[in-house]
């Protein structure tokens, strides 16, 4: 049973890496970036983007739509048409799958969930030692999602005003666009997937507030898992007392971390995809 993952973007895109490239590698499947010629296969997994004309023209094949964003909110007509031509939808969270069911009422459409997971071979470097004189926070993601930092930045400013020696690194695709002026250092580093592990692991605490509102409710916490893979504890930065405790704990290396990350191994996602492909 041959399978092709059609990745929405290049390997450097987090969603494509977690939901296409890494999964396909574990399955021994092919990956083709969207918009490029597709080889013949028994099954096509359309990661986020899809070619409806291709899908209609190849109804002798199986087609699954893999999504990590509520695309039906913004392209309802396209999604309403798509679902009549595919074999199922795979969502990155249960909340996203529930939202799709509620939105469309698709009684006959299989809607499944496969979590975002990581290839831990990509993260050999771990945070080592205790925090130095400065406790180094890091936020990473796509620059348009910096809005999630708004509430947490107030508490970082409060930490600085109360004598805590802190700094924040913003690791994204718009390093020339400053966050603004604060009474603590804010550094900007250009996102680079090849440096992802080293950059994150060189910090002390990952500052990862959820995206505000309904969008945040349906998104996965893959950034948390990425931080843990690099040896960093995670905070949303919203509760000041919790934040001060974490800064104190970071100095002694006592911050809470999961004991076992095996449930976040992308090999599990590959097995779940194989079950879908082989039993559908």
Protein backbone atom coordinates (compact mmCIF):
# COMPACT_ATOMS: atom_id res chain seq x y z
CA UNK A 1 0.00 0.00 0.00
CA UNK A 2 1.87 3.09 -1.22
CA UNK A 3 1.22 6.43 0.44
CA UNK A 4 2.20 9.98 -0.51
CA UNK A 5 2.09 12.82 2.00
CA UNK A 6 1.47 16.11 0.22
CA UNK A 7 3.12 18.63 2.56
CA UNK A 8 1.71 22.15 2.63
CA UNK A 9 5.20 23.64 2.85
CA UNK A 10 8.90 22.88 3.18
CA UNK A 11 10.57 20.93 5.98
CA UNK A 12 11.22 24.19 7.84
CA UNK A 13 7.47 24.61 8.47
CA UNK A 14 6.64 23.12 11.85
CA UNK A 15 3.25 21.73 10.90
CA UNK A 16 4.57 20.12 7.71
CA UNK A 17 7.56 18.70 9.55
CA UNK A 18 5.48 17.14 12.34
CA UNK A 19 2.53 15.99 10.24
CA UNK A 20 4.13 15.05 6.93
CA UNK A 21 7.92 14.78 6.66
CA UNK A 22 8.62 13.05 9.98
CA UNK A 23 5.56 10.81 9.78
CA UNK A 24 6.34 9.75 6.21
CA UNK A 25 9.93 8.95 7.10
CA UNK A 26 8.79 6.60 9.88
CA UNK A 27 6.32 4.95 7.49
CA UNK A 28 8.71 4.66 4.57
CA UNK A 29 6.26 6.80 2.59
CA UNK A 30 6.95 9.53 0.06
CA UNK A 31 6.61 13.28 0.69
CA UNK A 32 5.96 15.84 -2.03
CA UNK A 33 5.54 19.54 -1.37
CA UNK A 34 2.18 20.90 -2.47
CA UNK A 35 2.15 22.24 -6.02
CA UNK A 36 4.73 19.79 -7.36
CA UNK A 37 4.00 16.75 -9.55
CA UNK A 38 2.68 13.79 -7.60
CA UNK A 39 3.76 10.18 -8.13
CA UNK A 40 1.21 7.42 -8.41
CA UNK A 41 0.12 6.01 -5.05
CA UNK A 42 -2.71 4.12 -3.41
CA UNK A 43 -3.30 6.84 -0.81
CA UNK A 44 -2.71 10.58 -0.71
CA UNK A 45 -2.56 12.48 2.57
CA UNK A 46 -3.21 16.18 1.95
CA UNK A 47 -1.55 18.11 4.75
CA UNK A 48 -3.58 21.31 5.09
CA UNK A 49 -3.55 22.30 1.39
CA UNK A 50 -5.41 20.23 -1.19
CA UNK A 51 -5.90 20.02 -4.95
CA UNK A 52 -9.59 19.33 -5.46
CA UNK A 53 -9.22 18.83 -9.21
CA UNK A 54 -6.58 16.14 -8.63
CA UNK A 55 -8.72 14.48 -5.98
CA UNK A 56 -11.78 14.44 -8.27
CA UNK A 57 -9.72 13.05 -11.15
CA UNK A 58 -8.27 10.25 -9.00
CA UNK A 59 -11.27 8.79 -7.23
CA UNK A 60 -9.80 5.32 -7.65
CA UNK A 61 -7.32 6.37 -4.95
CA UNK A 62 -7.90 7.15 -1.29
CA UNK A 63 -7.58 10.72 -0.07
CA UNK A 64 -7.30 12.01 3.48
CA UNK A 65 -7.17 15.62 4.57
CA UNK A 66 -4.84 16.27 7.51
CA UNK A 67 -5.47 19.57 9.31
CA UNK A 68 -4.07 21.48 12.26
CA UNK A 69 -6.06 24.69 11.72
CA UNK A 70 -9.83 25.32 11.41
CA UNK A 71 -9.66 26.09 7.70
CA UNK A 72 -13.46 25.75 7.41
CA UNK A 73 -13.81 29.00 9.36
CA UNK A 74 -12.25 30.91 6.49
CA UNK A 75 -12.91 28.79 3.39
CA UNK A 76 -16.29 27.20 4.15
CA UNK A 77 -17.32 26.67 0.56
CA UNK A 78 -14.10 24.90 -0.40
CA UNK A 79 -14.27 22.59 2.59
CA UNK A 80 -17.95 21.80 2.07
CA UNK A 81 -17.11 20.65 -1.45
CA UNK A 82 -13.93 18.82 -0.46
CA UNK A 83 -15.58 16.52 2.07
CA UNK A 84 -17.74 14.91 -0.62
CA UNK A 85 -14.62 13.65 -2.42
CA UNK A 86 -12.35 12.38 0.36
CA UNK A 87 -12.23 9.31 2.57
CA UNK A 88 -11.72 11.08 5.87
CA UNK A 89 -10.23 13.95 7.85
CA UNK A 90 -7.46 13.68 10.42
CA UNK A 91 -7.18 16.53 12.94
CA UNK A 92 -4.30 17.50 15.20
CA UNK A 93 -6.45 17.81 18.34
CA UNK A 94 -9.72 16.40 19.65
CA UNK A 95 -11.00 19.96 20.03
CA UNK A 96 -10.33 20.66 16.35
CA UNK A 97 -12.09 17.45 15.33
CA UNK A 98 -15.08 18.34 17.53
CA UNK A 99 -15.23 21.80 16.00
CA UNK A 100 -15.31 20.33 12.49
CA UNK A 101 -18.10 17.91 13.45
CA UNK A 102 -20.13 20.70 15.01
CA UNK A 103 -19.53 23.03 12.07
CA UNK A 104 -20.39 20.59 9.32
CA UNK A 105 -22.56 17.91 10.88
CA UNK A 106 -20.84 15.33 8.68
CA UNK A 107 -22.60 12.13 9.74
CA UNK A 108 -20.87 9.86 7.20
CA UNK A 109 -17.41 11.43 7.15
CA UNK A 110 -14.73 9.75 9.29
CA UNK A 111 -13.11 12.46 11.42
CA UNK A 112 -10.12 11.20 13.38
CA UNK A 113 -7.40 12.64 15.59
CA UNK A 114 -3.64 12.11 15.41
CA UNK A 115 -1.63 14.28 17.77
CA UNK A 116 1.30 16.46 16.77
CA UNK A 117 4.44 14.54 17.69
CA UNK A 118 8.20 14.94 17.33
CA UNK A 119 11.16 13.09 15.92
CA UNK A 120 13.37 13.20 19.01
CA UNK A 121 16.48 12.58 16.90
CA UNK A 122 16.05 16.24 15.87
CA UNK A 123 16.63 17.31 19.50
CA UNK A 124 19.92 15.82 20.77
CA UNK A 125 20.88 18.95 22.74
CA UNK A 126 19.36 19.45 26.20
CA UNK A 127 19.45 22.39 28.57
CA UNK A 128 22.29 21.72 30.99
CA UNK A 129 23.25 23.30 34.30
CA UNK A 130 21.45 25.86 36.39
CA UNK A 131 20.32 29.29 35.29
CA UNK A 132 23.06 31.90 35.41
CA UNK A 133 22.82 35.44 36.68
CA UNK A 134 20.15 36.11 34.07
CA UNK A 135 17.12 33.85 33.71
CA UNK A 136 16.63 33.51 29.97
CA UNK A 137 13.10 33.11 28.64
CA UNK A 138 12.41 32.15 25.02
CA UNK A 139 9.32 32.37 22.83
CA UNK A 140 9.26 30.81 19.37
CA UNK A 141 6.78 30.53 16.55
CA UNK A 142 5.49 32.50 13.59
CA UNK A 143 5.79 36.24 14.09
CA UNK A 144 2.08 36.88 13.48
CA UNK A 145 1.43 34.84 16.64
CA UNK A 146 3.40 37.20 18.86
CA UNK A 147 0.01 38.54 19.94
CA UNK A 148 -0.12 35.58 22.34
CA UNK A 149 2.69 37.23 24.33
CA UNK A 150 0.71 40.34 25.25
CA UNK A 151 -0.45 39.26 28.70
CA UNK A 152 2.81 37.55 29.64
CA UNK A 153 4.95 40.58 28.78
CA UNK A 154 3.28 42.52 31.59
CA UNK A 155 4.40 39.92 34.10
CA UNK A 156 7.93 39.87 32.70
CA UNK A 157 8.02 43.65 33.19
CA UNK A 158 6.78 43.11 36.75
CA UNK A 159 9.56 40.59 37.38
CA UNK A 160 12.15 43.09 36.18
CA UNK A 161 10.64 45.86 38.32
CA UNK A 162 10.94 43.60 41.36
CA UNK A 163 14.60 42.96 40.88
CA UNK A 164 14.63 39.73 38.88
CA UNK A 165 17.39 39.63 36.30
CA UNK A 166 15.63 38.31 33.19
CA UNK A 167 15.82 38.44 29.41
CA UNK A 168 13.55 37.28 26.60
CA UNK A 169 14.52 35.87 23.24
CA UNK A 170 12.00 35.98 20.39
CA UNK A 171 12.91 33.27 17.89
CA UNK A 172 10.78 33.76 14.77
CA UNK A 173 10.67 34.74 11.12
CA UNK A 174 10.62 38.53 11.63
CA UNK A 175 13.71 39.36 13.71
CA UNK A 176 13.97 42.87 12.24
CA UNK A 177 10.55 43.78 13.67
CA UNK A 178 11.09 44.70 17.35
CA UNK A 179 8.64 43.83 20.11
CA UNK A 180 8.87 47.30 21.63
CA UNK A 181 10.66 48.86 24.60
CA UNK A 182 10.83 47.05 27.92
CA UNK A 183 12.84 47.36 31.12
CA UNK A 184 14.57 44.07 30.41
CA UNK A 185 16.52 42.86 27.34
CA UNK A 186 14.53 41.45 24.42
CA UNK A 187 16.66 39.71 21.80
CA UNK A 188 15.55 38.64 18.32
CA UNK A 189 16.92 35.63 16.46
CA UNK A 190 16.02 34.60 12.92
CA UNK A 191 14.14 31.32 12.87
CA UNK A 192 16.26 28.48 11.49
CA UNK A 193 15.10 24.88 11.79
CA UNK A 194 18.72 23.70 11.76
CA UNK A 195 19.40 25.81 14.87
CA UNK A 196 16.06 25.16 16.59
CA UNK A 197 17.35 22.67 19.15
CA UNK A 198 20.56 24.56 19.99
CA UNK A 199 18.86 27.94 20.35
CA UNK A 200 16.00 26.71 22.54
CA UNK A 201 18.28 24.55 24.70
CA UNK A 202 20.51 27.57 25.42
CA UNK A 203 17.67 29.16 27.43
CA UNK A 204 16.12 28.44 30.81
CA UNK A 205 12.33 28.70 30.47
CA UNK A 206 10.03 28.51 27.45
CA UNK A 207 7.42 31.28 27.61
CA UNK A 208 4.46 29.89 25.66
CA UNK A 209 1.12 31.57 26.32
CA UNK A 210 -1.80 30.14 24.35
CA UNK A 211 -3.10 32.03 21.35
CA UNK A 212 -6.05 34.06 22.66
CA UNK A 213 -9.66 33.16 21.97
CA UNK A 214 -11.23 30.37 19.96
CA UNK A 215 -8.16 29.77 17.78
CA UNK A 216 -6.14 28.84 20.86
CA UNK A 217 -8.80 26.35 22.00
CA UNK A 218 -8.36 24.13 18.93
CA UNK A 219 -4.58 24.28 18.59
CA UNK A 220 -2.15 21.64 19.82
CA UNK A 221 0.56 22.15 22.42
CA UNK A 222 3.40 20.99 20.19
CA UNK A 223 5.51 23.98 21.28
CA UNK A 224 5.39 22.65 24.84
CA UNK A 225 6.65 19.26 23.69
CA UNK A 226 9.41 20.96 21.69
CA UNK A 227 10.53 22.80 24.83
CA UNK A 228 10.52 19.60 26.88
CA UNK A 229 12.51 17.84 24.15
CA UNK A 230 15.14 20.56 24.58
CA UNK A 231 15.11 20.19 28.38
CA UNK A 232 13.19 23.38 29.16
CA UNK A 233 10.23 23.84 31.50
CA UNK A 234 7.23 25.72 30.14
CA UNK A 235 5.16 28.58 31.50
CA UNK A 236 2.29 30.57 30.03
CA UNK A 237 3.48 33.58 32.03
CA UNK A 238 -0.05 34.53 33.09
CA UNK A 239 0.11 33.99 36.87
CA UNK A 240 2.77 36.17 38.46
CA UNK A 241 3.29 34.04 41.57
CA UNK A 242 3.76 30.92 39.44
CA UNK A 243 6.22 32.81 37.27
CA UNK A 244 8.33 33.92 40.25
CA UNK A 245 8.40 30.34 41.54
CA UNK A 246 9.60 29.11 38.15
CA UNK A 247 12.40 31.67 38.04
CA UNK A 248 13.57 30.58 41.48
CA UNK A 249 13.31 26.91 40.54
CA UNK A 250 15.16 27.43 37.26
CA UNK A 251 18.20 28.58 39.25
CA UNK A 252 18.36 25.20 40.95
CA UNK A 253 17.21 23.07 38.02
CA UNK A 254 14.10 21.97 39.90
CA UNK A 255 11.41 23.08 37.42
CA UNK A 256 8.76 20.52 36.61
CA UNK A 257 9.33 18.44 33.50
CA UNK A 258 7.48 15.36 32.21
CA UNK A 259 9.13 12.12 33.27
CA UNK A 260 8.33 10.38 29.99
CA UNK A 261 8.02 11.87 26.51
CA UNK A 262 7.52 8.56 24.71
CA UNK A 263 3.87 9.38 24.06
CA UNK A 264 5.02 12.27 21.91
CA UNK A 265 7.21 10.19 19.58
CA UNK A 266 6.25 10.67 15.92
CA UNK A 267 6.66 6.93 15.41
CA UNK A 268 3.28 6.62 17.16
CA UNK A 269 1.73 8.93 14.59
CA UNK A 270 3.18 6.76 11.83
CA UNK A 271 1.59 3.65 13.39
CA UNK A 272 -1.75 5.43 13.65
CA UNK A 273 -1.55 6.48 10.00
CA UNK A 274 -0.68 2.93 8.98
CA UNK A 275 -3.78 1.69 10.78
CA UNK A 276 -5.93 4.18 8.87
CA UNK A 277 -4.36 3.43 5.50
CA UNK A 278 -4.39 -0.34 5.92
CA UNK A 279 -7.87 -0.71 7.36
CA UNK A 280 -9.84 1.82 5.34
